[in-house]
Amino acid sequence: MKRLSISFLCCVAFLFSFAQTNYLELGNQQLAREDFVAAEKTFRQAMHADSSNLVYQCQLALSLMSQKKYAEAQKFIDNVLLRDSTNKGALWYGGMNNFQNTDADLRVAIRYFERLLPLIDEKQGQYFSASWFIGRSYQILLQNDGLNYDETSRMLDCYATYLRLQPNASDAQKIAVYVQHIKEIRPPNSVKKWISR
């Protein structure tokens, strides 16, 4: 009987640990199927089981972002970055969350992507993607709010990086034309801010 009880407890412990490690797989499968509500539920359960797991918090943020629950997603992103200021997942999601949210400040999105770039290798897909998002964010800001000389330079640098790393991208020609146009009409650095529509 004692041996049976020990075997039962071992099975329960094994099943419990398996269930814990399965949250990530299940939640990511739900995200892949675009079942964001189910993914949110799974990652909330995962966090209940292990509130210190930063991956669960990042993936919960992703499931919330995918439902356009940007403010709630931001809370989890901020919490992860409080614990680990160089968490690549949280920095990426922070940039995406603020880029996708039309009520957010694109300069906040830029700051997240800028913090991420030094942490990743140029050969990673996120590197050229982050460069694109920085360039695109500045382009939108240039059209709506205006940029200073240094911000314009950064936009051009990021687009140049994107074009260098993705020369055959479907938008490469359009971006190259835009970059050349901005270089031709750009005011001197004595102009504090300019807008180009």
N, C-alpha and C. Protein backbone atom coordinates (compact mmCIF):
# COMPACT_ATOMS: atom_id res chain seq x y z
N MET A 1 0.83 -1.20 0.00
CA MET A 1 0.00 0.00 0.00
C MET A 1 0.88 1.26 0.00
N LYS A 2 1.94 1.23 0.83
CA LYS A 2 2.85 2.37 0.90
C LYS A 2 3.52 2.61 -0.46
N ARG A 3 3.93 1.52 -1.11
CA ARG A 3 4.57 1.63 -2.42
C ARG A 3 3.57 2.20 -3.44
N LEU A 4 2.31 1.79 -3.37
CA LEU A 4 1.26 2.28 -4.26
C LEU A 4 1.01 3.77 -4.04
N SER A 5 1.00 4.19 -2.77
CA SER A 5 0.81 5.61 -2.45
C SER A 5 1.94 6.46 -2.98
N ILE A 6 3.16 5.97 -2.83
CA ILE A 6 4.32 6.70 -3.34
C ILE A 6 4.26 6.79 -4.86
N SER A 7 3.88 5.69 -5.51
CA SER A 7 3.73 5.69 -6.97
C SER A 7 2.67 6.68 -7.40
N PHE A 8 1.56 6.72 -6.67
CA PHE A 8 0.48 7.65 -7.00
C PHE A 8 0.96 9.09 -6.86
N LEU A 9 1.68 9.39 -5.77
CA LEU A 9 2.19 10.74 -5.57
C LEU A 9 3.19 11.12 -6.65
N CYS A 10 4.01 10.18 -7.07
CA CYS A 10 4.96 10.45 -8.15
C CYS A 10 4.23 10.75 -9.45
N CYS A 11 3.16 9.99 -9.71
CA CYS A 11 2.36 10.24 -10.92
C CYS A 11 1.70 11.60 -10.87
N VAL A 12 1.15 11.95 -9.69
CA VAL A 12 0.52 13.26 -9.54
C VAL A 12 1.55 14.37 -9.74
N ALA A 13 2.73 14.22 -9.14
CA ALA A 13 3.79 15.22 -9.30
C ALA A 13 4.21 15.33 -10.76
N PHE A 14 4.33 14.19 -11.44
CA PHE A 14 4.71 14.20 -12.86
C PHE A 14 3.64 14.91 -13.69
N LEU A 15 2.37 14.56 -13.44
CA LEU A 15 1.29 15.18 -14.21
C LEU A 15 1.21 16.68 -13.93
N PHE A 16 1.42 17.07 -12.67
CA PHE A 16 1.39 18.48 -12.32
C PHE A 16 2.50 19.24 -13.03
N SER A 17 3.72 18.68 -13.01
CA SER A 17 4.83 19.37 -13.68
C SER A 17 4.62 19.38 -15.19
N PHE A 18 4.05 18.31 -15.75
CA PHE A 18 3.78 18.27 -17.19
C PHE A 18 2.77 19.34 -17.56
N ALA A 19 1.73 19.46 -16.73
CA ALA A 19 0.70 20.47 -17.01
C ALA A 19 1.30 21.87 -16.98
N GLN A 20 2.23 22.11 -16.04
CA GLN A 20 2.85 23.42 -15.96
C GLN A 20 3.69 23.72 -17.20
N THR A 21 4.46 22.77 -17.64
CA THR A 21 5.33 23.02 -18.78
C THR A 21 4.55 23.02 -20.09
N ASN A 22 3.32 22.57 -20.07
CA ASN A 22 2.52 22.50 -21.28
C ASN A 22 1.78 23.81 -21.57
N TYR A 23 1.70 24.72 -20.60
CA TYR A 23 1.00 25.99 -20.82
C TYR A 23 1.55 26.74 -22.03
N LEU A 24 2.85 26.81 -22.12
CA LEU A 24 3.48 27.57 -23.20
C LEU A 24 3.15 26.96 -24.56
N GLU A 25 3.26 25.66 -24.65
CA GLU A 25 2.94 24.99 -25.92
C GLU A 25 1.48 25.18 -26.29
N LEU A 26 0.58 24.96 -25.34
CA LEU A 26 -0.85 25.10 -25.60
C LEU A 26 -1.19 26.54 -25.99
N GLY A 27 -0.70 27.50 -25.21
CA GLY A 27 -1.00 28.90 -25.48
C GLY A 27 -0.46 29.36 -26.83
N ASN A 28 0.74 28.92 -27.16
CA ASN A 28 1.33 29.29 -28.45
C ASN A 28 0.58 28.65 -29.62
N GLN A 29 0.07 27.44 -29.42
CA GLN A 29 -0.77 26.81 -30.45
C GLN A 29 -2.04 27.62 -30.65
N GLN A 30 -2.61 28.08 -29.57
CA GLN A 30 -3.83 28.90 -29.66
C GLN A 30 -3.54 30.23 -30.35
N LEU A 31 -2.40 30.82 -30.05
CA LEU A 31 -2.00 32.05 -30.74
C LEU A 31 -1.83 31.80 -32.23
N ALA A 32 -1.21 30.68 -32.58
CA ALA A 32 -0.99 30.35 -33.99
C ALA A 32 -2.31 30.16 -34.73
N ARG A 33 -3.31 29.65 -34.00
CA ARG A 33 -4.65 29.46 -34.60
C ARG A 33 -5.49 30.75 -34.56
N GLU A 34 -4.89 31.80 -33.99
CA GLU A 34 -5.54 33.09 -33.81
C GLU A 34 -6.75 33.00 -32.88
N ASP A 35 -6.69 32.07 -31.95
CA ASP A 35 -7.71 31.95 -30.91
C ASP A 35 -7.18 32.71 -29.69
N PHE A 36 -7.22 34.03 -29.80
CA PHE A 36 -6.56 34.89 -28.82
C PHE A 36 -7.24 34.88 -27.46
N VAL A 37 -8.54 34.70 -27.44
CA VAL A 37 -9.27 34.63 -26.16
C VAL A 37 -8.84 33.39 -25.39
N ALA A 38 -8.77 32.26 -26.09
CA ALA A 38 -8.31 31.02 -25.44
C ALA A 38 -6.87 31.14 -24.99
N ALA A 39 -6.02 31.76 -25.80
CA ALA A 39 -4.62 31.96 -25.43
C ALA A 39 -4.51 32.82 -24.18
N GLU A 40 -5.31 33.87 -24.13
CA GLU A 40 -5.32 34.72 -22.93
C GLU A 40 -5.67 33.90 -21.70
N LYS A 41 -6.69 33.08 -21.82
CA LYS A 41 -7.11 32.24 -20.69
C LYS A 41 -6.00 31.29 -20.28
N THR A 42 -5.36 30.67 -21.26
CA THR A 42 -4.27 29.72 -20.97
C THR A 42 -3.12 30.41 -20.25
N PHE A 43 -2.73 31.58 -20.75
CA PHE A 43 -1.58 32.26 -20.12
C PHE A 43 -1.94 32.86 -18.77
N ARG A 44 -3.20 33.19 -18.55
CA ARG A 44 -3.62 33.62 -17.20
C ARG A 44 -3.52 32.43 -16.23
N GLN A 45 -3.94 31.26 -16.69
CA GLN A 45 -3.82 30.05 -15.87
C GLN A 45 -2.34 29.76 -15.60
N ALA A 46 -1.53 29.92 -16.62
CA ALA A 46 -0.09 29.68 -16.47
C ALA A 46 0.50 30.61 -15.42
N MET A 47 0.11 31.88 -15.47
CA MET A 47 0.61 32.85 -14.49
C MET A 47 0.13 32.53 -13.09
N HIS A 48 -1.09 32.01 -13.00
CA HIS A 48 -1.61 31.61 -11.69
C HIS A 48 -0.75 30.47 -11.12
N ALA A 49 -0.32 29.56 -12.01
CA ALA A 49 0.53 28.45 -11.58
C ALA A 49 1.95 28.90 -11.27
N ASP A 50 2.45 29.89 -12.02
CA ASP A 50 3.83 30.36 -11.82
C ASP A 50 3.89 31.85 -12.17
N SER A 51 3.64 32.67 -11.18
CA SER A 51 3.57 34.13 -11.40
C SER A 51 4.93 34.75 -11.69
N SER A 52 6.01 34.02 -11.46
CA SER A 52 7.34 34.56 -11.71
C SER A 52 7.84 34.31 -13.13
N ASN A 53 7.10 33.53 -13.90
CA ASN A 53 7.53 33.17 -15.26
C ASN A 53 7.29 34.35 -16.21
N LEU A 54 8.37 34.97 -16.66
CA LEU A 54 8.26 36.16 -17.51
C LEU A 54 7.79 35.82 -18.92
N VAL A 55 8.06 34.60 -19.37
CA VAL A 55 7.59 34.19 -20.70
C VAL A 55 6.07 34.14 -20.72
N TYR A 56 5.47 33.61 -19.68
CA TYR A 56 4.00 33.58 -19.60
C TYR A 56 3.44 34.99 -19.68
N GLN A 57 4.08 35.92 -18.97
CA GLN A 57 3.60 37.30 -18.96
C GLN A 57 3.73 37.94 -20.34
N CYS A 58 4.83 37.66 -21.01
CA CYS A 58 5.01 38.20 -22.37
C CYS A 58 3.95 37.64 -23.32
N GLN A 59 3.72 36.35 -23.22
CA GLN A 59 2.74 35.74 -24.13
C GLN A 59 1.32 36.17 -23.79
N LEU A 60 1.05 36.43 -22.52
CA LEU A 60 -0.24 36.99 -22.15
C LEU A 60 -0.39 38.38 -22.77
N ALA A 61 0.66 39.17 -22.72
CA ALA A 61 0.64 40.49 -23.35
C ALA A 61 0.36 40.37 -24.83
N LEU A 62 0.98 39.40 -25.49
CA LEU A 62 0.74 39.20 -26.92
C LEU A 62 -0.71 38.84 -27.20
N SER A 63 -1.27 37.96 -26.39
CA SER A 63 -2.68 37.58 -26.61
C SER A 63 -3.60 38.78 -26.39
N LEU A 64 -3.26 39.65 -25.45
CA LEU A 64 -4.07 40.85 -25.21
C LEU A 64 -3.91 41.86 -26.36
N MET A 65 -2.67 42.05 -26.82
CA MET A 65 -2.44 42.95 -27.96
C MET A 65 -3.23 42.49 -29.18
N SER A 66 -3.28 41.19 -29.37
CA SER A 66 -3.97 40.63 -30.53
C SER A 66 -5.47 40.87 -30.47
N GLN A 67 -5.96 41.17 -29.27
CA GLN A 67 -7.38 41.51 -29.08
C GLN A 67 -7.58 43.03 -28.98
N LYS A 68 -6.52 43.78 -29.25
CA LYS A 68 -6.53 45.24 -29.16
C LYS A 68 -6.75 45.74 -27.72
N LYS A 69 -6.36 44.95 -26.75
CA LYS A 69 -6.42 45.35 -25.35
C LYS A 69 -5.04 45.91 -24.97
N TYR A 70 -4.71 47.01 -25.62
CA TYR A 70 -3.35 47.55 -25.54
C TYR A 70 -2.96 48.01 -24.13
N ALA A 71 -3.87 48.68 -23.43
CA ALA A 71 -3.53 49.19 -22.10
C ALA A 71 -3.25 48.05 -21.13
N GLU A 72 -4.06 47.00 -21.21
CA GLU A 72 -3.84 45.86 -20.32
C GLU A 72 -2.55 45.13 -20.69
N ALA A 73 -2.29 44.99 -21.97
CA ALA A 73 -1.04 44.35 -22.43
C ALA A 73 0.16 45.13 -21.92
N GLN A 74 0.07 46.45 -21.95
CA GLN A 74 1.19 47.30 -21.53
C GLN A 74 1.56 47.06 -20.07
N LYS A 75 0.58 46.77 -19.24
CA LYS A 75 0.85 46.51 -17.82
C LYS A 75 1.76 45.30 -17.65
N PHE A 76 1.49 44.25 -18.42
CA PHE A 76 2.31 43.04 -18.32
C PHE A 76 3.71 43.28 -18.90
N ILE A 77 3.77 44.02 -19.99
CA ILE A 77 5.07 44.36 -20.59
C ILE A 77 5.91 45.15 -19.59
N ASP A 78 5.29 46.15 -18.97
CA ASP A 78 6.01 46.97 -17.98
C ASP A 78 6.49 46.13 -16.81
N ASN A 79 5.64 45.21 -16.37
CA ASN A 79 6.01 44.36 -15.24
C ASN A 79 7.21 43.48 -15.57
N VAL A 80 7.22 42.92 -16.78
CA VAL A 80 8.36 42.09 -17.18
C VAL A 80 9.63 42.94 -17.22
N LEU A 81 9.54 44.14 -17.78
CA LEU A 81 10.73 44.99 -17.90
C LEU A 81 11.20 45.53 -16.56
N LEU A 82 10.31 45.62 -15.58
CA LEU A 82 10.73 45.98 -14.22
C LEU A 82 11.62 44.89 -13.64
N ARG A 83 11.30 43.65 -13.96
CA ARG A 83 12.07 42.51 -13.45
C ARG A 83 13.31 42.23 -14.29
N ASP A 84 13.22 42.50 -15.60
CA ASP A 84 14.33 42.21 -16.51
C ASP A 84 14.32 43.28 -17.61
N SER A 85 15.10 44.32 -17.43
CA SER A 85 15.07 45.47 -18.34
C SER A 85 15.57 45.15 -19.73
N THR A 86 16.22 44.01 -19.91
CA THR A 86 16.73 43.62 -21.23
C THR A 86 15.96 42.43 -21.81
N ASN A 87 14.77 42.19 -21.33
CA ASN A 87 13.96 41.08 -21.84
C ASN A 87 13.56 41.37 -23.28
N LYS A 88 14.10 40.60 -24.20
CA LYS A 88 13.89 40.86 -25.62
C LYS A 88 12.43 40.74 -26.02
N GLY A 89 11.74 39.74 -25.48
CA GLY A 89 10.33 39.57 -25.80
C GLY A 89 9.50 40.77 -25.37
N ALA A 90 9.72 41.23 -24.16
CA ALA A 90 8.96 42.37 -23.65
C ALA A 90 9.29 43.65 -24.42
N LEU A 91 10.56 43.84 -24.80
CA LEU A 91 10.92 45.02 -25.58
C LEU A 91 10.26 44.98 -26.96
N TRP A 92 10.27 43.80 -27.58
CA TRP A 92 9.61 43.66 -28.89
C TRP A 92 8.11 43.94 -28.77
N TYR A 93 7.47 43.30 -27.78
CA TYR A 93 6.03 43.49 -27.60
C TYR A 93 5.70 44.92 -27.20
N GLY A 94 6.59 45.56 -26.43
CA GLY A 94 6.37 46.96 -26.08
C GLY A 94 6.37 47.84 -27.32
N GLY A 95 7.32 47.59 -28.22
CA GLY A 95 7.34 48.33 -29.47
C GLY A 95 6.11 48.07 -30.31
N MET A 96 5.76 46.80 -30.45
CA MET A 96 4.59 46.45 -31.27
C MET A 96 3.30 46.99 -30.66
N ASN A 97 3.18 46.88 -29.35
CA ASN A 97 1.97 47.35 -28.66
C ASN A 97 1.75 48.83 -28.91
N ASN A 98 2.81 49.60 -28.83
CA ASN A 98 2.69 51.05 -29.03
C ASN A 98 2.64 51.45 -30.50
N PHE A 99 3.14 50.61 -31.38
CA PHE A 99 3.03 50.88 -32.82
C PHE A 99 1.61 50.60 -33.30
N GLN A 100 1.02 49.49 -32.84
CA GLN A 100 -0.32 49.10 -33.29
C GLN A 100 -1.42 49.95 -32.67
N ASN A 101 -1.20 50.44 -31.47
CA ASN A 101 -2.21 51.21 -30.76
C ASN A 101 -2.25 52.63 -31.32
N THR A 102 -3.33 52.96 -32.02
CA THR A 102 -3.44 54.28 -32.65
C THR A 102 -3.53 55.41 -31.62
N ASP A 103 -3.82 55.08 -30.36
CA ASP A 103 -3.89 56.10 -29.32
C ASP A 103 -2.54 56.31 -28.64
N ALA A 104 -1.56 55.47 -28.96
CA ALA A 104 -0.25 55.55 -28.31
C ALA A 104 0.66 56.53 -29.05
N ASP A 105 1.76 56.87 -28.40
CA ASP A 105 2.77 57.76 -28.96
C ASP A 105 3.80 56.91 -29.70
N LEU A 106 3.98 57.14 -30.98
CA LEU A 106 4.94 56.36 -31.75
C LEU A 106 6.37 56.52 -31.25
N ARG A 107 6.64 57.62 -30.56
CA ARG A 107 7.99 57.78 -30.00
C ARG A 107 8.25 56.75 -28.90
N VAL A 108 7.20 56.33 -28.22
CA VAL A 108 7.34 55.28 -27.22
C VAL A 108 7.67 53.96 -27.92
N ALA A 109 6.99 53.67 -29.02
CA ALA A 109 7.30 52.46 -29.79
C ALA A 109 8.76 52.50 -30.24
N ILE A 110 9.21 53.64 -30.72
CA ILE A 110 10.59 53.78 -31.18
C ILE A 110 11.56 53.48 -30.04
N ARG A 111 11.28 53.99 -28.85
CA ARG A 111 12.18 53.76 -27.71
C ARG A 111 12.33 52.27 -27.40
N TYR A 112 11.22 51.53 -27.46
CA TYR A 112 11.30 50.08 -27.22
C TYR A 112 12.17 49.40 -28.28
N PHE A 113 11.92 49.72 -29.55
CA PHE A 113 12.70 49.08 -30.62
C PHE A 113 14.18 49.48 -30.53
N GLU A 114 14.45 50.72 -30.17
CA GLU A 114 15.85 51.16 -30.03
C GLU A 114 16.56 50.42 -28.90
N ARG A 115 15.84 50.15 -27.82
CA ARG A 115 16.43 49.39 -26.71
C ARG A 115 16.68 47.94 -27.11
N LEU A 116 15.88 47.42 -28.02
CA LEU A 116 16.02 46.03 -28.45
C LEU A 116 17.19 45.83 -29.39
N LEU A 117 17.42 46.76 -30.32
CA LEU A 117 18.42 46.57 -31.37
C LEU A 117 19.81 46.16 -30.86
N PRO A 118 20.36 46.78 -29.82
CA PRO A 118 21.70 46.37 -29.37
C PRO A 118 21.74 44.96 -28.77
N LEU A 119 20.57 44.40 -28.47
CA LEU A 119 20.51 43.10 -27.81
C LEU A 119 20.39 41.93 -28.78
N ILE A 120 20.18 42.24 -30.06
CA ILE A 120 19.97 41.17 -31.04
C ILE A 120 20.99 41.27 -32.16
N ASP A 121 21.24 40.15 -32.77
CA ASP A 121 22.19 40.08 -33.87
C ASP A 121 21.54 40.60 -35.15
N GLU A 122 22.34 41.24 -35.96
CA GLU A 122 21.85 41.80 -37.22
C GLU A 122 21.28 40.73 -38.15
N LYS A 123 21.71 39.50 -37.98
CA LYS A 123 21.23 38.41 -38.83
C LYS A 123 19.84 37.92 -38.44
N GLN A 124 19.37 38.31 -37.28
CA GLN A 124 18.04 37.89 -36.84
C GLN A 124 16.97 38.71 -37.56
N GLY A 125 15.86 38.06 -37.85
CA GLY A 125 14.76 38.73 -38.51
C GLY A 125 14.22 39.92 -37.74
N GLN A 126 14.27 39.84 -36.42
CA GLN A 126 13.78 40.95 -35.62
C GLN A 126 14.60 42.21 -35.84
N TYR A 127 15.86 42.06 -36.22
CA TYR A 127 16.72 43.23 -36.40
C TYR A 127 16.22 44.10 -37.56
N PHE A 128 16.02 43.48 -38.72
CA PHE A 128 15.55 44.30 -39.84
C PHE A 128 14.11 44.74 -39.62
N SER A 129 13.32 43.92 -38.93
CA SER A 129 11.94 44.31 -38.64
C SER A 129 11.90 45.52 -37.71
N ALA A 130 12.71 45.49 -36.65
CA ALA A 130 12.76 46.62 -35.73
C ALA A 130 13.23 47.88 -36.45
N SER A 131 14.21 47.72 -37.35
CA SER A 131 14.68 48.88 -38.14
C SER A 131 13.54 49.44 -38.99
N TRP A 132 12.75 48.55 -39.58
CA TRP A 132 11.61 48.99 -40.38
C TRP A 132 10.60 49.73 -39.51
N PHE A 133 10.28 49.18 -38.34
CA PHE A 133 9.30 49.82 -37.46
C PHE A 133 9.77 51.19 -36.99
N ILE A 134 11.05 51.33 -36.71
CA ILE A 134 11.58 52.64 -36.31
C ILE A 134 11.45 53.61 -37.48
N GLY A 135 11.89 53.19 -38.66
CA GLY A 135 11.78 54.05 -39.84
C GLY A 135 10.34 54.44 -40.13
N ARG A 136 9.45 53.46 -40.09
CA ARG A 136 8.03 53.72 -40.39
C ARG A 136 7.41 54.64 -39.34
N SER A 137 7.75 54.43 -38.07
CA SER A 137 7.22 55.29 -37.01
C SER A 137 7.65 56.74 -37.23
N TYR A 138 8.94 56.93 -37.54
CA TYR A 138 9.41 58.29 -37.82
C TYR A 138 8.75 58.86 -39.07
N GLN A 139 8.51 58.04 -40.07
CA GLN A 139 7.85 58.52 -41.28
C GLN A 139 6.44 59.03 -40.97
N ILE A 140 5.71 58.29 -40.16
CA ILE A 140 4.36 58.73 -39.76
C ILE A 140 4.44 60.01 -38.95
N LEU A 141 5.40 60.07 -38.02
CA LEU A 141 5.58 61.28 -37.22
C LEU A 141 5.95 62.47 -38.10
N LEU A 142 6.79 62.26 -39.10
CA LEU A 142 7.18 63.34 -40.01
C LEU A 142 5.96 63.89 -40.73
N GLN A 143 5.05 63.04 -41.09
CA GLN A 143 3.84 63.45 -41.81
C GLN A 143 2.81 64.14 -40.91
N ASN A 144 2.81 63.78 -39.62
CA ASN A 144 1.76 64.29 -38.73
C ASN A 144 2.24 65.34 -37.73
N ASP A 145 3.37 65.10 -37.09
CA ASP A 145 3.84 65.98 -36.02
C ASP A 145 5.11 66.74 -36.38
N GLY A 146 5.89 66.18 -37.25
CA GLY A 146 7.17 66.78 -37.62
C GLY A 146 8.33 66.13 -36.88
N LEU A 147 9.51 66.24 -37.46
CA LEU A 147 10.73 65.68 -36.89
C LEU A 147 11.81 66.74 -36.84
N ASN A 148 12.76 66.54 -35.93
CA ASN A 148 13.93 67.39 -35.95
C ASN A 148 14.99 66.74 -36.85
N TYR A 149 16.12 67.37 -37.00
CA TYR A 149 17.15 66.90 -37.92
C TYR A 149 17.68 65.51 -37.52
N ASP A 150 17.95 65.34 -36.22
CA ASP A 150 18.48 64.05 -35.75
C ASP A 150 17.46 62.92 -35.92
N GLU A 151 16.20 63.19 -35.66
CA GLU A 151 15.16 62.18 -35.84
C GLU A 151 15.05 61.78 -37.32
N THR A 152 15.16 62.77 -38.19
CA THR A 152 15.14 62.48 -39.63
C THR A 152 16.32 61.62 -40.02
N SER A 153 17.48 61.93 -39.47
CA SER A 153 18.68 61.12 -39.73
C SER A 153 18.48 59.69 -39.28
N ARG A 154 17.88 59.53 -38.11
CA ARG A 154 17.65 58.18 -37.59
C ARG A 154 16.67 57.41 -38.47
N MET A 155 15.63 58.09 -38.95
CA MET A 155 14.68 57.46 -39.86
C MET A 155 15.41 56.95 -41.10
N LEU A 156 16.24 57.81 -41.68
CA LEU A 156 16.97 57.44 -42.90
C LEU A 156 17.94 56.29 -42.62
N ASP A 157 18.61 56.32 -41.48
CA ASP A 157 19.55 55.25 -41.11
C ASP A 157 18.82 53.91 -40.97
N CYS A 158 17.67 53.93 -40.30
CA CYS A 158 16.93 52.69 -40.08
C CYS A 158 16.39 52.13 -41.39
N TYR A 159 15.89 53.01 -42.24
CA TYR A 159 15.42 52.53 -43.54
C TYR A 159 16.60 52.01 -44.37
N ALA A 160 17.76 52.64 -44.27
CA ALA A 160 18.94 52.16 -44.99
C ALA A 160 19.34 50.76 -44.51
N THR A 161 19.26 50.54 -43.20
CA THR A 161 19.55 49.22 -42.64
C THR A 161 18.57 48.19 -43.17
N TYR A 162 17.29 48.56 -43.15
CA TYR A 162 16.25 47.65 -43.65
C TYR A 162 16.50 47.30 -45.12
N LEU A 163 16.79 48.30 -45.93
CA LEU A 163 17.02 48.06 -47.36
C LEU A 163 18.28 47.22 -47.59
N ARG A 164 19.30 47.43 -46.77
CA ARG A 164 20.52 46.64 -46.90
C ARG A 164 20.27 45.17 -46.55
N LEU A 165 19.47 44.94 -45.51
CA LEU A 165 19.22 43.58 -45.05
C LEU A 165 18.08 42.88 -45.81
N GLN A 166 17.21 43.66 -46.41
CA GLN A 166 16.06 43.11 -47.13
C GLN A 166 15.93 43.75 -48.52
N PRO A 167 16.94 43.61 -49.35
CA PRO A 167 16.90 44.29 -50.66
C PRO A 167 15.79 43.81 -51.58
N ASN A 168 15.29 42.61 -51.35
CA ASN A 168 14.24 42.06 -52.21
C ASN A 168 12.86 42.10 -51.58
N ALA A 169 12.71 42.85 -50.50
CA ALA A 169 11.40 42.96 -49.85
C ALA A 169 10.41 43.63 -50.80
N SER A 170 9.15 43.31 -50.64
CA SER A 170 8.12 43.85 -51.54
C SER A 170 8.01 45.36 -51.47
N ASP A 171 8.38 45.95 -50.34
CA ASP A 171 8.29 47.41 -50.19
C ASP A 171 9.64 48.11 -50.37
N ALA A 172 10.67 47.38 -50.74
CA ALA A 172 12.02 47.95 -50.82
C ALA A 172 12.11 49.10 -51.81
N GLN A 173 11.55 48.94 -52.97
CA GLN A 173 11.62 50.00 -53.99
C GLN A 173 10.89 51.26 -53.53
N LYS A 174 9.73 51.07 -52.95
CA LYS A 174 8.93 52.21 -52.46
C LYS A 174 9.69 52.96 -51.36
N ILE A 175 10.31 52.22 -50.45
CA ILE A 175 11.07 52.86 -49.37
C ILE A 175 12.30 53.57 -49.93
N ALA A 176 12.97 52.94 -50.88
CA ALA A 176 14.16 53.56 -51.49
C ALA A 176 13.80 54.89 -52.15
N VAL A 177 12.68 54.94 -52.84
CA VAL A 177 12.22 56.18 -53.48
C VAL A 177 11.91 57.23 -52.42
N TYR A 178 11.25 56.81 -51.34
CA TYR A 178 10.90 57.73 -50.25
C TYR A 178 12.18 58.30 -49.61
N VAL A 179 13.14 57.44 -49.33
CA VAL A 179 14.39 57.87 -48.71
C VAL A 179 15.09 58.91 -49.60
N GLN A 180 15.17 58.64 -50.88
CA GLN A 180 15.81 59.58 -51.80
C GLN A 180 15.07 60.92 -51.82
N HIS A 181 13.74 60.87 -51.82
CA HIS A 181 12.91 62.08 -51.81
C HIS A 181 13.19 62.92 -50.55
N ILE A 182 13.23 62.25 -49.39
CA ILE A 182 13.47 62.96 -48.13
C ILE A 182 14.87 63.58 -48.13
N LYS A 183 15.84 62.87 -48.64
CA LYS A 183 17.21 63.42 -48.72
C LYS A 183 17.24 64.69 -49.57
N GLU A 184 16.46 64.73 -50.63
CA GLU A 184 16.45 65.87 -51.55
C GLU A 184 15.73 67.09 -50.96
N ILE A 185 14.69 66.87 -50.17
CA ILE A 185 13.90 68.01 -49.67
C ILE A 185 14.20 68.35 -48.21
N ARG A 186 15.03 67.59 -47.57
CA ARG A 186 15.31 67.77 -46.15
C ARG A 186 15.91 69.14 -45.88
N PRO A 187 15.37 69.88 -44.91
CA PRO A 187 15.95 71.18 -44.57
C PRO A 187 17.25 71.02 -43.78
N PRO A 188 18.03 72.07 -43.67
CA PRO A 188 19.30 71.99 -42.91
C PRO A 188 19.04 71.80 -41.42
N ASN A 189 20.08 71.46 -40.70
CA ASN A 189 19.91 71.18 -39.27
C ASN A 189 19.59 72.41 -38.44
N SER A 190 19.60 73.58 -39.03
CA SER A 190 19.19 74.79 -38.32
C SER A 190 17.67 74.86 -38.13
N VAL A 191 16.93 74.08 -38.95
CA VAL A 191 15.46 74.02 -38.81
C VAL A 191 15.17 73.06 -37.66
N LYS A 192 14.45 73.57 -36.66
CA LYS A 192 14.21 72.79 -35.46
C LYS A 192 13.26 71.62 -35.70
N LYS A 193 12.23 71.84 -36.52
CA LYS A 193 11.25 70.79 -36.77
C LYS A 193 10.62 71.02 -38.13
N TRP A 194 10.38 69.95 -38.86
CA TRP A 194 9.73 70.11 -40.15
C TRP A 194 8.75 68.98 -40.38
N ILE A 195 7.77 69.27 -41.23
CA ILE A 195 6.72 68.30 -41.57
C ILE A 195 6.77 68.10 -43.06
N SER A 196 6.65 66.83 -43.49
CA SER A 196 6.62 66.52 -44.91
C SER A 196 5.46 65.57 -45.16
N ARG A 197 4.50 66.04 -45.92
CA ARG A 197 3.36 65.19 -46.26
C ARG A 197 3.56 64.64 -47.64
